[in-house]
């Protein structure tokens, strides 16, 4: 139990035989249940999970599991018969946690990159009722991203920019961070089957959270990298996620700004995209005609104006979209300000409160 609520951790594993056992062993004691999900790893991950789970369960009292209908095991090993993807592993853990009545569900990957000592920091926004979903963020300060390679940082920054459009959470960053926590009620509100099973799961999940109008919190954390090797094939990953984000963006606008009720942001987004696409195409055509010696000044001016109008419309669309979603974002500064206010108020109360007399 953590602050009076039952907590589970989903540990995902694919070819993590060298790390997953240590991850399971270092999950904090206040976690009631651990769902160790092996996504049909071809290495010894499953054998390691079963061996460590048996050892932990033998040393743990069954009564520490607070969920109704549970079988008493603290670590529940789960194995997919075939490889289904990272998102599928997380969803399997979510579904089991909901069935067991767990209040808050966190996710820690089996590669050892997520520090168990800060799990409480990830849980707090959800447990305290400030957010429906919380995620780590390794990009907030230079110190936090110190161990992140330039290649990873640039790729993450690009995905962050694209994800802002797709998800509607404009102040959040590091969308690929899988150190997360979510409430059971939020899981039950989501259509998990509609969310991709692949590595774009985290980005896609954020879009679905936005459409469900869920509050999301960013939690500062330090990037940790060791000897583990990523199984992601980056060319295919970038192509898949880019198309996924584009579809997610269009779907989000359709549901929130057309189907549920008209919002002017969708008009400005449409005008912006049309103006930019037409203007850029016109400028390219004008340049081609100029190189052939044909007159192209008028067309170039018209195309330039279209680009300006498109850029302006796009900017207005972003502004309207950001304003509409501001209440769904819990930024780190918001939580820090609240903490400072609470501490200051407590200090003031302590200074002014009458002293008790024995």
Protein backbone atom coordinates (compact mmCIF):
# COMPACT_ATOMS: atom_id res chain seq x y z
CA UNK A 1 0.00 0.00 0.00
CA UNK A 2 1.14 3.54 -0.74
CA UNK A 3 -0.68 6.43 0.94
CA UNK A 4 -3.66 4.17 1.52
CA UNK A 5 -3.93 2.96 -2.08
CA UNK A 6 -2.97 -0.39 -3.59
CA UNK A 7 -0.16 -0.17 -6.12
CA UNK A 8 1.01 -2.52 -8.85
CA UNK A 9 4.00 -2.33 -11.18
CA UNK A 10 4.01 -3.79 -14.69
CA UNK A 11 7.53 -4.90 -15.60
CA UNK A 12 7.85 -5.44 -19.35
CA UNK A 13 10.58 -7.64 -20.77
CA UNK A 14 11.86 -8.58 -24.21
CA UNK A 15 15.36 -10.04 -24.35
CA UNK A 16 16.16 -8.62 -20.91
CA UNK A 17 17.55 -11.76 -19.24
CA UNK A 18 20.55 -9.84 -17.92
CA UNK A 19 18.48 -7.10 -16.25
CA UNK A 20 14.89 -8.12 -15.53
CA UNK A 21 15.70 -10.17 -12.43
CA UNK A 22 17.39 -7.22 -10.77
CA UNK A 23 14.46 -4.97 -11.69
CA UNK A 24 12.00 -7.33 -10.00
CA UNK A 25 14.17 -7.56 -6.89
CA UNK A 26 14.47 -3.79 -6.47
CA UNK A 27 10.78 -2.85 -6.78
CA UNK A 28 9.97 -1.00 -3.52
CA UNK A 29 8.31 -2.94 -0.68
CA UNK A 30 5.20 -0.76 -0.67
CA UNK A 31 4.22 -2.15 -4.10
CA UNK A 32 1.52 -4.77 -3.56
CA UNK A 33 1.79 -6.64 -6.83
CA UNK A 34 4.24 -6.95 -9.72
CA UNK A 35 3.09 -8.16 -13.14
CA UNK A 36 6.20 -9.40 -14.96
CA UNK A 37 5.21 -9.64 -18.63
CA UNK A 38 7.59 -11.44 -20.99
CA UNK A 39 6.75 -10.67 -24.62
CA UNK A 40 7.88 -14.07 -25.97
CA UNK A 41 11.59 -13.32 -25.53
CA UNK A 42 13.91 -15.66 -27.45
CA UNK A 43 16.51 -15.46 -24.66
CA UNK A 44 16.27 -16.62 -21.03
CA UNK A 45 14.09 -13.72 -19.83
CA UNK A 46 11.15 -15.99 -19.02
CA UNK A 47 13.29 -18.43 -17.04
CA UNK A 48 14.79 -15.53 -15.05
CA UNK A 49 11.36 -14.05 -14.36
CA UNK A 50 9.97 -17.36 -13.10
CA UNK A 51 13.00 -18.07 -10.93
CA UNK A 52 13.07 -14.62 -9.31
CA UNK A 53 9.29 -14.54 -8.94
CA UNK A 54 9.31 -17.87 -7.11
CA UNK A 55 12.00 -16.65 -4.73
CA UNK A 56 10.19 -13.36 -4.00
CA UNK A 57 6.81 -15.06 -3.55
CA UNK A 58 8.24 -17.62 -1.13
CA UNK A 59 9.54 -14.83 1.10
CA UNK A 60 6.39 -12.69 0.91
CA UNK A 61 3.26 -13.09 2.98
CA UNK A 62 0.21 -13.66 0.73
CA UNK A 63 -1.80 -11.19 2.81
CA UNK A 64 0.27 -8.26 1.54
CA UNK A 65 -1.76 -8.42 -1.68
CA UNK A 66 -4.74 -6.18 -1.02
CA UNK A 67 -6.62 -6.61 -4.28
CA UNK A 68 -9.84 -8.58 -4.26
CA UNK A 69 -9.77 -11.85 -6.14
CA UNK A 70 -5.97 -12.08 -6.22
CA UNK A 71 -4.17 -15.37 -5.64
CA UNK A 72 -1.78 -13.96 -3.04
CA UNK A 73 1.36 -13.83 -5.18
CA UNK A 74 3.34 -10.59 -5.07
CA UNK A 75 5.01 -11.31 -8.43
CA UNK A 76 2.76 -12.63 -11.19
CA UNK A 77 4.74 -13.97 -14.18
CA UNK A 78 2.90 -13.62 -17.50
CA UNK A 79 4.22 -14.76 -20.86
CA UNK A 80 2.88 -14.00 -24.33
CA UNK A 81 2.87 -17.06 -26.59
CA UNK A 82 4.10 -14.89 -29.47
CA UNK A 83 5.80 -11.52 -29.67
CA UNK A 84 3.09 -8.85 -29.74
CA UNK A 85 5.00 -5.62 -29.05
CA UNK A 86 5.78 -3.35 -26.11
CA UNK A 87 2.31 -1.83 -26.02
CA UNK A 88 0.69 -5.25 -25.83
CA UNK A 89 2.86 -6.16 -22.83
CA UNK A 90 1.82 -3.00 -20.98
CA UNK A 91 -1.85 -3.56 -21.83
CA UNK A 92 -1.67 -7.13 -20.55
CA UNK A 93 -0.40 -5.80 -17.23
CA UNK A 94 -3.05 -3.08 -17.14
CA UNK A 95 -5.85 -5.57 -17.72
CA UNK A 96 -4.65 -7.93 -14.99
CA UNK A 97 -4.30 -5.04 -12.55
CA UNK A 98 -7.85 -3.86 -13.26
CA UNK A 99 -9.16 -7.40 -12.80
CA UNK A 100 -7.38 -7.54 -9.42
CA UNK A 101 -8.80 -4.19 -8.31
CA UNK A 102 -5.46 -2.37 -8.03
CA UNK A 103 -5.86 1.39 -7.48
CA UNK A 104 -2.73 2.73 -9.26
CA UNK A 105 -0.59 0.94 -11.85
CA UNK A 106 2.99 1.93 -12.69
CA UNK A 107 5.20 0.66 -15.51
CA UNK A 108 8.91 -0.10 -15.27
CA UNK A 109 10.76 -1.60 -18.21
CA UNK A 110 12.88 -4.67 -17.60
CA UNK A 111 16.07 -3.05 -18.91
CA UNK A 112 17.05 -1.43 -15.61
CA UNK A 113 16.87 2.15 -16.93
CA UNK A 114 14.18 3.22 -14.45
CA UNK A 115 15.36 3.99 -10.94
CA UNK A 116 13.05 2.22 -8.44
CA UNK A 117 14.06 4.76 -5.78
CA UNK A 118 11.97 7.45 -7.53
CA UNK A 119 8.86 5.35 -8.08
CA UNK A 120 7.09 7.34 -5.38
CA UNK A 121 7.77 10.51 -7.38
CA UNK A 122 6.03 8.96 -10.41
CA UNK A 123 3.12 7.72 -8.30
CA UNK A 124 2.47 10.89 -6.30
CA UNK A 125 0.55 12.96 -8.92
CA UNK A 126 -1.89 10.07 -9.44
CA UNK A 127 -2.15 8.93 -5.82
CA UNK A 128 -2.66 12.54 -4.65
CA UNK A 129 -5.43 13.05 -7.20
CA UNK A 130 -3.60 15.77 -9.16
CA UNK A 131 -3.41 13.74 -12.38
CA UNK A 132 -4.93 10.68 -14.01
CA UNK A 133 -1.63 9.68 -15.61
CA UNK A 134 1.97 10.61 -14.79
CA UNK A 135 5.12 10.10 -16.83
CA UNK A 136 8.82 10.69 -16.38
CA UNK A 137 10.63 13.46 -18.25
CA UNK A 138 14.40 13.29 -18.89
CA UNK A 139 14.59 16.51 -20.91
CA UNK A 140 13.74 19.21 -18.38
CA UNK A 141 17.26 20.06 -17.21
CA UNK A 142 20.79 19.59 -18.62
CA UNK A 143 21.66 17.53 -15.54
CA UNK A 144 18.80 15.08 -16.12
CA UNK A 145 19.78 14.43 -19.73
CA UNK A 146 23.53 14.43 -19.11
CA UNK A 147 23.95 10.71 -19.88
CA UNK A 148 21.70 10.87 -22.97
CA UNK A 149 23.63 10.70 -26.24
CA UNK A 150 23.24 13.50 -28.79
CA UNK A 151 21.57 11.04 -31.16
CA UNK A 152 18.98 10.05 -28.55
CA UNK A 153 18.42 13.66 -27.48
CA UNK A 154 17.85 14.95 -31.03
CA UNK A 155 15.53 12.06 -31.86
CA UNK A 156 13.60 12.53 -28.63
CA UNK A 157 13.31 16.28 -29.18
CA UNK A 158 11.90 15.73 -32.68
CA UNK A 159 9.36 13.21 -31.41
CA UNK A 160 8.45 15.62 -28.62
CA UNK A 161 7.60 18.33 -31.16
CA UNK A 162 5.50 16.01 -33.30
CA UNK A 163 3.79 14.52 -30.25
CA UNK A 164 2.66 17.95 -29.05
CA UNK A 165 0.55 18.27 -32.20
CA UNK A 166 -0.73 14.70 -32.03
CA UNK A 167 -1.54 14.52 -28.32
CA UNK A 168 -2.64 18.06 -27.48
CA UNK A 169 -0.40 18.13 -24.40
CA UNK A 170 1.66 21.14 -25.42
CA UNK A 171 3.84 21.60 -22.32
CA UNK A 172 4.81 17.93 -21.93
CA UNK A 173 8.01 16.48 -23.39
CA UNK A 174 9.90 13.18 -23.57
CA UNK A 175 6.83 11.28 -24.86
CA UNK A 176 8.87 8.07 -25.25
CA UNK A 177 9.46 7.84 -21.50
CA UNK A 178 7.90 4.60 -20.28
CA UNK A 179 8.23 5.26 -16.56
CA UNK A 180 4.56 5.94 -15.90
CA UNK A 181 1.68 5.63 -13.47
CA UNK A 182 -2.05 5.53 -14.15
CA UNK A 183 -5.20 5.14 -12.07
CA UNK A 184 -7.49 2.15 -12.45
CA UNK A 185 -10.40 4.44 -13.31
CA UNK A 186 -8.40 5.95 -16.18
CA UNK A 187 -7.53 2.53 -17.60
CA UNK A 188 -11.21 1.64 -17.52
CA UNK A 189 -12.05 4.83 -19.45
CA UNK A 190 -9.66 3.96 -22.28
CA UNK A 191 -10.29 1.69 -25.26
CA UNK A 192 -7.05 -0.28 -24.95
CA UNK A 193 -7.80 -2.32 -28.07
CA UNK A 194 -7.72 0.87 -30.16
CA UNK A 195 -4.20 1.76 -28.98
CA UNK A 196 -1.26 0.33 -30.93
CA UNK A 197 0.66 -2.66 -29.57
CA UNK A 198 3.94 -1.43 -31.04
CA UNK A 199 6.62 0.96 -29.77
CA UNK A 200 4.50 3.98 -30.64
CA UNK A 201 2.20 2.88 -27.81
CA UNK A 202 3.30 5.65 -25.43
CA UNK A 203 2.62 8.41 -27.97
CA UNK A 204 -0.67 6.86 -29.02
CA UNK A 205 -1.74 6.41 -25.40
CA UNK A 206 -1.22 10.13 -24.74
CA UNK A 207 -3.54 10.97 -27.64
CA UNK A 208 -6.23 8.67 -26.27
CA UNK A 209 -5.79 10.22 -22.82
CA UNK A 210 -6.33 13.66 -24.34
CA UNK A 211 -9.49 12.59 -26.16
CA UNK A 212 -10.71 11.16 -22.85
CA UNK A 213 -9.83 14.56 -21.31
CA UNK A 214 -7.50 13.06 -18.71
CA UNK A 215 -5.02 15.13 -16.72
CA UNK A 216 -1.37 14.24 -17.36
CA UNK A 217 1.64 15.15 -15.21
CA UNK A 218 5.31 15.43 -16.19
CA UNK A 219 7.75 14.24 -13.52
CA UNK A 220 11.45 15.22 -13.71
CA UNK A 221 13.87 12.29 -13.72
CA UNK A 222 17.45 11.56 -14.72
CA UNK A 223 18.26 9.56 -17.84
CA UNK A 224 19.98 6.26 -16.97
CA UNK A 225 21.73 4.12 -19.55
CA UNK A 226 23.89 1.07 -18.97
CA UNK A 227 25.07 -1.86 -21.06
CA UNK A 228 21.62 -2.74 -22.37
CA UNK A 229 21.05 -2.57 -26.13
CA UNK A 230 17.83 -1.22 -27.56
CA UNK A 231 15.79 -3.64 -29.68
CA UNK A 232 14.29 -0.73 -31.65
CA UNK A 233 15.12 -0.56 -35.37
CA UNK A 234 15.18 3.21 -35.72
CA UNK A 235 14.44 3.72 -39.48
CA UNK A 236 11.29 1.58 -39.29
CA UNK A 237 10.43 3.02 -35.88
CA UNK A 238 10.62 6.65 -37.05
CA UNK A 239 8.51 5.93 -40.13
CA UNK A 240 5.87 4.02 -38.16
CA UNK A 241 5.62 6.55 -35.33
CA UNK A 242 5.54 9.56 -37.68
CA UNK A 243 2.56 8.14 -39.58
CA UNK A 244 0.95 7.11 -36.30
CA UNK A 245 1.28 10.66 -34.94
CA UNK A 246 -0.21 12.14 -38.11
CA UNK A 247 -3.22 9.81 -37.89
CA UNK A 248 -3.50 10.51 -34.17
CA UNK A 249 -3.52 14.27 -34.76
CA UNK A 250 -6.30 14.04 -37.33
CA UNK A 251 -8.32 11.65 -35.16
CA UNK A 252 -7.98 13.89 -32.09
CA UNK A 253 -9.15 16.98 -33.99
CA UNK A 254 -12.08 15.10 -35.49
CA UNK A 255 -13.33 13.71 -32.17
CA UNK A 256 -12.75 16.71 -29.92
CA UNK A 257 -13.27 19.62 -32.32
CA UNK A 258 -15.82 18.28 -34.80
CA UNK A 259 -17.79 15.30 -33.46
CA UNK A 260 -18.23 16.49 -29.86
CA UNK A 261 -18.76 20.09 -30.81
CA UNK A 262 -17.28 22.60 -33.22
CA UNK A 263 -14.07 24.35 -32.19
CA UNK A 264 -12.38 27.05 -34.36
CA UNK A 265 -8.96 25.44 -33.90
CA UNK A 266 -9.82 22.87 -36.56
CA UNK A 267 -10.52 25.65 -39.10
CA UNK A 268 -7.23 27.39 -38.48
CA UNK A 269 -5.34 24.10 -38.60
CA UNK A 270 -6.96 23.30 -41.94
CA UNK A 271 -6.30 26.77 -43.36
CA UNK A 272 -2.74 26.69 -42.10
CA UNK A 273 -1.96 23.31 -43.62
CA UNK A 274 -3.56 24.27 -46.95
CA UNK A 275 -1.80 27.63 -47.10
CA UNK A 276 1.61 26.21 -46.26
CA UNK A 277 1.32 23.27 -48.65
CA UNK A 278 0.06 25.44 -51.51
CA UNK A 279 2.55 28.22 -50.84
CA UNK A 280 5.57 25.93 -50.65
CA UNK A 281 4.49 24.10 -53.81
CA UNK A 282 4.06 27.46 -55.56
CA UNK A 283 7.51 28.68 -54.50
CA UNK A 284 9.11 25.48 -55.76
CA UNK A 285 7.28 25.85 -59.06
CA UNK A 286 8.30 29.52 -59.34
CA UNK A 287 11.93 28.63 -58.72
CA UNK A 288 11.78 25.93 -61.41
CA UNK A 289 10.29 28.36 -63.93
CA UNK A 290 12.89 30.98 -63.00
CA UNK A 291 15.69 28.52 -63.70
CA UNK A 292 14.18 27.88 -67.14
CA UNK A 293 14.17 31.63 -67.78
CA UNK A 294 10.42 32.12 -67.53
CA UNK A 295 8.75 35.03 -65.70
CA UNK A 296 7.82 33.92 -62.16
CA UNK A 297 7.80 37.04 -59.93
CA UNK A 298 4.01 37.33 -59.61
CA UNK A 299 3.59 33.65 -58.87
CA UNK A 300 6.42 33.79 -56.33
CA UNK A 301 4.84 36.74 -54.51
CA UNK A 302 1.46 35.01 -54.41
CA UNK A 303 3.07 31.83 -53.10
CA UNK A 304 4.99 33.77 -50.46
CA UNK A 305 1.77 35.42 -49.27
CA UNK A 306 0.14 31.98 -49.08
CA UNK A 307 3.00 30.76 -46.89
CA UNK A 308 2.62 33.79 -44.58
CA UNK A 309 -1.14 33.32 -44.30
CA UNK A 310 -0.71 29.59 -43.72
CA UNK A 311 1.92 30.14 -41.03
CA UNK A 312 -0.27 32.69 -39.28
CA UNK A 313 -3.33 30.43 -39.39
CA UNK A 314 -1.30 27.51 -38.09
CA UNK A 315 0.01 29.62 -35.23
CA UNK A 316 -3.53 30.65 -34.26
CA UNK A 317 -4.63 27.02 -34.42
CA UNK A 318 -1.81 25.97 -32.10
CA UNK A 319 -2.65 28.78 -29.67
CA UNK A 320 -6.34 27.85 -29.57
CA UNK A 321 -5.48 24.16 -29.17
CA UNK A 322 -3.06 24.89 -26.35
CA UNK A 323 -5.57 27.05 -24.50
CA UNK A 324 -8.23 24.37 -24.82
CA UNK A 325 -5.95 21.71 -23.31
CA UNK A 326 -4.13 23.77 -20.67
CA UNK A 327 -6.30 22.41 -17.84
CA UNK A 328 -5.30 18.83 -18.73
CA UNK A 329 -1.59 19.39 -18.13
CA UNK A 330 0.11 19.27 -14.74
CA UNK A 331 3.56 20.75 -15.31
CA UNK A 332 6.43 20.15 -12.86
CA UNK A 333 6.42 23.86 -11.99
CA UNK A 334 2.75 23.60 -10.96
CA UNK A 335 3.50 20.81 -8.52
CA UNK A 336 6.60 22.55 -7.18
CA UNK A 337 4.65 25.78 -6.67
CA UNK A 338 1.98 23.88 -4.77
CA UNK A 339 4.60 22.18 -2.61
CA UNK A 340 6.27 25.49 -1.83
CA UNK A 341 2.90 27.09 -1.03
CA UNK A 342 1.97 24.24 1.26
CA UNK A 343 5.32 24.39 3.06
CA UNK A 344 5.12 28.17 3.42
CA UNK A 345 1.56 27.96 4.72
CA UNK A 346 2.60 25.31 7.23
CA UNK A 347 5.51 27.43 8.40
CA UNK A 348 3.25 30.44 8.82
CA UNK A 349 0.68 28.42 10.70
CA UNK A 350 3.44 27.11 12.91
CA UNK A 351 4.65 30.62 13.62
CA UNK A 352 1.23 32.04 14.46
CA UNK A 353 -0.42 29.09 16.16
CA UNK A 354 -0.76 29.36 19.91
CA UNK A 355 1.59 27.21 21.93
CA UNK A 356 -0.04 24.46 23.91
CA UNK A 357 0.30 24.51 27.67
CA UNK A 358 0.68 21.26 29.55
